[in-house]
C-alpha cells in the first residue's frame, strides 16, 4: 500500500481536523524514526492509521472490544482509549494491514504498553507532540524528544497521568505499568 492510498482510506474515516492531526503525527513519526534508527516506512503507515477508528460509534467499538477479546477492562475506563485497539482490529480487517508491528503501534498509542517496541514508542510520542498539539508541557516533551526517546515517552506519560489525576479521572492501569516499565528501563528503581 502506498502513502497516498493509505491517506485516502484514512481521510474517509476522519474529520478534516483529525486528518490534519494525522498528517502531523505522520510527519513527526517519520522524523522520530529517522532520528532513532527505526523503520520510517512502518512509522509512516502506523501514524497514518493510528486514529482510524476515532469516530466509530461507541456501541460498535464496545461490541468489537467484547467480541474480539481486546480487554474487557477497557470498558471501565474512558472511551477515549477504545479507538486504539479497535482501530488496530479494523485496520487489519478493513484496510488489509497485516504487519503485526504496525498493528501493535496502533493498538498501544493511547495507553502505552509494557515493553513497547521502538515503533510503538514513536507512534505514542508522535501522537502526543505533533505540531498541532498545544497544551502545557508539550513543548518540554518536544525538546526532550530530540535527545532521548524513552525520557520523552516517560514525560508524556507523567503529564497524562497528572492531568487525569488533577481532573479526578481514572488512570488506565496499563498506562501506569508503562510508566513503571520505562522507569525500570532507565534504572530508576532505588532500594
Foldseek 3Di string as FASTA:
>chain_A
DDLVVLLVLQVVQDDPVVSVLLVLLLVQLLVLCVLVVHDNVLLNNLSSQLQSQVPPDLVVLLVCCVVVVVDNVCVVADSNLSSQLVSLVCCCVPVVDDDPLSSVLSNQLPQHAQPRDPSNLSSNLSSQQRPVDDDPPNVVLVVVSSPDSLVSSLSSLVVVVVVCVVVVGDRPVRSVVNNVNSCVVVVNDDD
